Amino acid sequence: MKHIPSDHRALMADDVREEDLEPYVALRYIARLFKVLAALILIMLAGEVVLGIVIDGRASITTLLGEATRLLVMAGLLWAAGDIAVLLVDAGHDVRVTRILLGRIHARLGPPLPAPAPEAAPAPTEQAEAVPVP
């Protein structure tokens, strides 16, 4: 392994690769897409309720309750999926920060020290005390 001078190691530790700073663009777009779809479903729900009451009056309330429940659940799931995508982006940034910090720690500590050679065990002496056997 090549020995790197300590001042050069400190320079390398402060450099951050471009791929370490890139945001998760696709996941952010997916999160926005899910949240926009959830908002559109809520707008469609409001329009469906208004049209149902205008066209059928009170007779449409039972049907509208079922449809409203289904659409609210779908909008909630889409919104939650958007939040999970944002959470994945944050987790990815945490992993990248950890990798950068570990690289800096490794650069400051330098190369590992060689392992010490194992010590030879002392040779048994022939004048060992005899142990009485019962």
C-alpha atoms as a PDB file:
ATOM      1  CA  MET A   1       0.000   0.000   0.000  1.00  0.00           C
ATOM      2  CA  LYS A   2       1.295   3.439  -0.904  1.00  0.00           C
ATOM      3  CA  HIS A   3       1.979   5.800   1.992  1.00  0.00           C
ATOM      4  CA  ILE A   4       0.207   9.168   1.667  1.00  0.00           C
ATOM      5  CA  PRO A   5       1.642  12.193   3.505  1.00  0.00           C
ATOM      6  CA  SER A   6      -0.631  13.509   6.255  1.00  0.00           C
ATOM      7  CA  ASP A   7      -1.091  16.968   4.675  1.00  0.00           C
ATOM      8  CA  HIS A   8      -2.162  15.377   1.369  1.00  0.00           C
ATOM      9  CA  ARG A   9      -4.538  13.068   3.249  1.00  0.00           C
ATOM     10  CA  ALA A  10      -6.264  16.075   4.834  1.00  0.00           C
ATOM     11  CA  LEU A  11      -6.698  17.618   1.377  1.00  0.00           C
ATOM     12  CA  MET A  12      -8.267  14.429   0.052  1.00  0.00           C
ATOM     13  CA  ALA A  13     -10.612  14.162   3.037  1.00  0.00           C
ATOM     14  CA  ASP A  14     -12.097  17.593   2.373  1.00  0.00           C
ATOM     15  CA  ASP A  15     -12.853  16.806  -1.281  1.00  0.00           C
ATOM     16  CA  VAL A  16     -16.390  15.555  -1.871  1.00  0.00           C
ATOM     17  CA  ARG A  17     -17.214  13.654  -5.007  1.00  0.00           C
ATOM     18  CA  GLU A  18     -19.963  15.057  -7.201  1.00  0.00           C
ATOM     19  CA  GLU A  19     -22.002  11.842  -7.014  1.00  0.00           C
ATOM     20  CA  ASP A  20     -22.069  12.184  -3.214  1.00  0.00           C
ATOM     21  CA  LEU A  21     -23.953  15.463  -3.554  1.00  0.00           C
ATOM     22  CA  GLU A  22     -26.419  14.550  -6.315  1.00  0.00           C
ATOM     23  CA  PRO A  23     -30.020  14.638  -5.149  1.00  0.00           C
ATOM     24  CA  TYR A  24     -32.387  11.790  -5.800  1.00  0.00           C
ATOM     25  CA  VAL A  25     -34.193  13.625  -8.595  1.00  0.00           C
ATOM     26  CA  ALA A  26     -36.416  10.751  -9.725  1.00  0.00           C
ATOM     27  CA  LEU A  27     -37.716  10.030  -6.224  1.00  0.00           C
ATOM     28  CA  ARG A  28     -38.546  13.689  -5.684  1.00  0.00           C
ATOM     29  CA  TYR A  29     -40.525  13.752  -8.954  1.00  0.00           C
ATOM     30  CA  ILE A  30     -42.369  10.588  -7.951  1.00  0.00           C
ATOM     31  CA  ALA A  31     -43.219  12.124  -4.563  1.00  0.00           C
ATOM     32  CA  ARG A  32     -44.605  15.241  -6.268  1.00  0.00           C
ATOM     33  CA  LEU A  33     -46.525  13.115  -8.760  1.00  0.00           C
ATOM     34  CA  PHE A  34     -48.203  11.114  -5.989  1.00  0.00           C
ATOM     35  CA  LYS A  35     -49.169  14.260  -4.088  1.00  0.00           C
ATOM     36  CA  VAL A  36     -50.549  15.936  -7.224  1.00  0.00           C
ATOM     37  CA  LEU A  37     -52.579  12.808  -8.003  1.00  0.00           C
ATOM     38  CA  ALA A  38     -53.955  12.823  -4.461  1.00  0.00           C
ATOM     39  CA  ALA A  39     -55.011  16.462  -4.860  1.00  0.00           C
ATOM     40  CA  LEU A  40     -56.660  15.685  -8.228  1.00  0.00           C
ATOM     41  CA  ILE A  41     -58.601  12.829  -6.668  1.00  0.00           C
ATOM     42  CA  LEU A  42     -59.896  15.200  -3.968  1.00  0.00           C
ATOM     43  CA  ILE A  43     -60.955  17.715  -6.634  1.00  0.00           C
ATOM     44  CA  MET A  44     -62.716  14.911  -8.532  1.00  0.00           C
ATOM     45  CA  LEU A  45     -64.432  13.864  -5.303  1.00  0.00           C
ATOM     46  CA  ALA A  46     -65.770  17.375  -4.733  1.00  0.00           C
ATOM     47  CA  GLY A  47     -67.036  17.539  -8.327  1.00  0.00           C
ATOM     48  CA  GLU A  48     -68.676  14.118  -8.047  1.00  0.00           C
ATOM     49  CA  VAL A  49     -70.459  15.074  -4.834  1.00  0.00           C
ATOM     50  CA  VAL A  50     -71.737  18.343  -6.321  1.00  0.00           C
ATOM     51  CA  LEU A  51     -72.919  16.673  -9.542  1.00  0.00           C
ATOM     52  CA  GLY A  52     -74.515  13.782  -7.656  1.00  0.00           C
ATOM     53  CA  ILE A  53     -76.519  16.083  -5.420  1.00  0.00           C
ATOM     54  CA  VAL A  54     -77.514  18.394  -8.298  1.00  0.00           C
ATOM     55  CA  ILE A  55     -78.632  15.540 -10.582  1.00  0.00           C
ATOM     56  CA  ASP A  56     -80.154  12.983  -8.190  1.00  0.00           C
ATOM     57  CA  GLY A  57     -80.640  14.971  -4.986  1.00  0.00           C
ATOM     58  CA  ARG A  58     -80.985  13.086  -1.725  1.00  0.00           C
ATOM     59  CA  ALA A  59     -81.240   9.713  -3.450  1.00  0.00           C
ATOM     60  CA  SER A  60     -77.537   9.817  -4.354  1.00  0.00           C
ATOM     61  CA  ILE A  61     -76.234  10.243  -0.788  1.00  0.00           C
ATOM     62  CA  THR A  62     -75.686   6.525  -0.097  1.00  0.00           C
ATOM     63  CA  THR A  63     -73.866   6.018  -3.388  1.00  0.00           C
ATOM     64  CA  LEU A  64     -71.818   9.172  -2.846  1.00  0.00           C
ATOM     65  CA  LEU A  65     -70.763   8.067   0.652  1.00  0.00           C
ATOM     66  CA  GLY A  66     -69.302   4.832  -0.726  1.00  0.00           C
ATOM     67  CA  GLU A  67     -67.545   6.609  -3.586  1.00  0.00           C
ATOM     68  CA  ALA A  68     -66.291   9.377  -1.284  1.00  0.00           C
ATOM     69  CA  THR A  69     -64.835   6.834   1.130  1.00  0.00           C
ATOM     70  CA  ARG A  70     -63.075   4.951  -1.672  1.00  0.00           C
ATOM     71  CA  LEU A  71     -61.646   8.128  -3.192  1.00  0.00           C
ATOM     72  CA  LEU A  72     -60.504   9.495   0.188  1.00  0.00           C
ATOM     73  CA  VAL A  73     -58.681   6.255   0.955  1.00  0.00           C
ATOM     74  CA  MET A  74     -57.013   6.300  -2.475  1.00  0.00           C
ATOM     75  CA  ALA A  75     -55.956   9.942  -2.038  1.00  0.00           C
ATOM     76  CA  GLY A  76     -54.577   9.161   1.425  1.00  0.00           C
ATOM     77  CA  LEU A  77     -52.564   6.222   0.101  1.00  0.00           C
ATOM     78  CA  LEU A  78     -51.115   8.316  -2.714  1.00  0.00           C
ATOM     79  CA  TRP A  79     -50.188  11.110  -0.321  1.00  0.00           C
ATOM     80  CA  ALA A  80     -48.532   8.581   2.031  1.00  0.00           C
ATOM     81  CA  ALA A  81     -46.596   7.090  -0.902  1.00  0.00           C
ATOM     82  CA  GLY A  82     -45.303  10.586  -1.696  1.00  0.00           C
ATOM     83  CA  ASP A  83     -44.171  11.025   1.906  1.00  0.00           C
ATOM     84  CA  ILE A  84     -42.434   7.633   1.839  1.00  0.00           C
ATOM     85  CA  ALA A  85     -40.569   8.672  -1.324  1.00  0.00           C
ATOM     86  CA  VAL A  86     -39.379  11.832   0.458  1.00  0.00           C
ATOM     87  CA  LEU A  87     -38.333   9.685   3.419  1.00  0.00           C
ATOM     88  CA  LEU A  88     -36.279   7.477   1.072  1.00  0.00           C
ATOM     89  CA  VAL A  89     -34.539  10.587  -0.274  1.00  0.00           C
ATOM     90  CA  ASP A  90     -33.655  11.683   3.269  1.00  0.00           C
ATOM     91  CA  ALA A  91     -32.408   8.187   4.150  1.00  0.00           C
ATOM     92  CA  GLY A  92     -30.231   8.180   1.043  1.00  0.00           C
ATOM     93  CA  HIS A  93     -28.717  11.519   2.019  1.00  0.00           C
ATOM     94  CA  ASP A  94     -27.987  10.148   5.502  1.00  0.00           C
ATOM     95  CA  VAL A  95     -26.200   7.138   4.003  1.00  0.00           C
ATOM     96  CA  ARG A  96     -24.121   9.403   1.766  1.00  0.00           C
ATOM     97  CA  VAL A  97     -23.186  11.691   4.657  1.00  0.00           C
ATOM     98  CA  THR A  98     -22.145   8.660   6.693  1.00  0.00           C
ATOM     99  CA  ARG A  99     -19.993   7.402   3.823  1.00  0.00           C
ATOM    100  CA  ILE A 100     -18.300  10.808   3.475  1.00  0.00           C
ATOM    101  CA  LEU A 101     -17.629  11.046   7.220  1.00  0.00           C
ATOM    102  CA  LEU A 102     -16.221   7.514   7.361  1.00  0.00           C
ATOM    103  CA  GLY A 103     -13.948   8.347   4.436  1.00  0.00           C
ATOM    104  CA  ARG A 104     -12.696  11.432   6.249  1.00  0.00           C
ATOM    105  CA  ILE A 105     -12.072   9.463   9.436  1.00  0.00           C
ATOM    106  CA  HIS A 106     -10.186   6.817   7.469  1.00  0.00           C
ATOM    107  CA  ALA A 107      -8.103   9.481   5.718  1.00  0.00           C
ATOM    108  CA  ARG A 108      -7.136  11.116   9.009  1.00  0.00           C
ATOM    109  CA  LEU A 109      -6.213   7.856  10.706  1.00  0.00           C
ATOM    110  CA  GLY A 110      -3.914   6.853   7.875  1.00  0.00           C
ATOM    111  CA  PRO A 111      -2.909   3.376   6.797  1.00  0.00           C
ATOM    112  CA  PRO A 112      -3.347   0.580   9.358  1.00  0.00           C
ATOM    113  CA  LEU A 113      -0.355  -0.386  11.476  1.00  0.00           C
ATOM    114  CA  PRO A 114       1.213  -3.766  10.733  1.00  0.00           C
ATOM    115  CA  ALA A 115       0.173  -6.523  13.102  1.00  0.00           C
ATOM    116  CA  PRO A 116       2.833  -7.428  15.687  1.00  0.00           C
ATOM    117  CA  ALA A 117       4.570 -10.759  15.213  1.00  0.00           C
ATOM    118  CA  PRO A 118       3.315 -13.426  17.600  1.00  0.00           C
ATOM    119  CA  GLU A 119       5.676 -14.080  20.466  1.00  0.00           C
ATOM    120  CA  ALA A 120       7.211 -17.518  20.681  1.00  0.00           C
ATOM    121  CA  ALA A 121       5.942 -19.569  23.597  1.00  0.00           C
ATOM    122  CA  PRO A 122       8.659 -20.426  26.130  1.00  0.00           C
ATOM    123  CA  ALA A 123       9.932 -23.966  25.807  1.00  0.00           C
ATOM    124  CA  PRO A 124       8.791 -26.240  28.619  1.00  0.00           C
ATOM    125  CA  THR A 125      11.465 -26.893  31.192  1.00  0.00           C
ATOM    126  CA  GLU A 126      12.442 -30.460  31.970  1.00  0.00           C
ATOM    127  CA  GLN A 127      12.779 -29.776  35.646  1.00  0.00           C
ATOM    128  CA  ALA A 128       9.098 -29.151  36.148  1.00  0.00           C
ATOM    129  CA  GLU A 129       7.770 -30.056  39.515  1.00  0.00           C
ATOM    130  CA  ALA A 130       6.173 -33.422  39.595  1.00  0.00           C
ATOM    131  CA  VAL A 131       2.533 -33.288  40.425  1.00  0.00           C
ATOM    132  CA  PRO A 132       1.476 -36.185  42.657  1.00  0.00           C
ATOM    133  CA  VAL A 133      -1.279 -38.267  41.115  1.00  0.00           C
ATOM    134  CA  PRO A 134      -3.827 -39.457  43.672  1.00  0.00           C
END
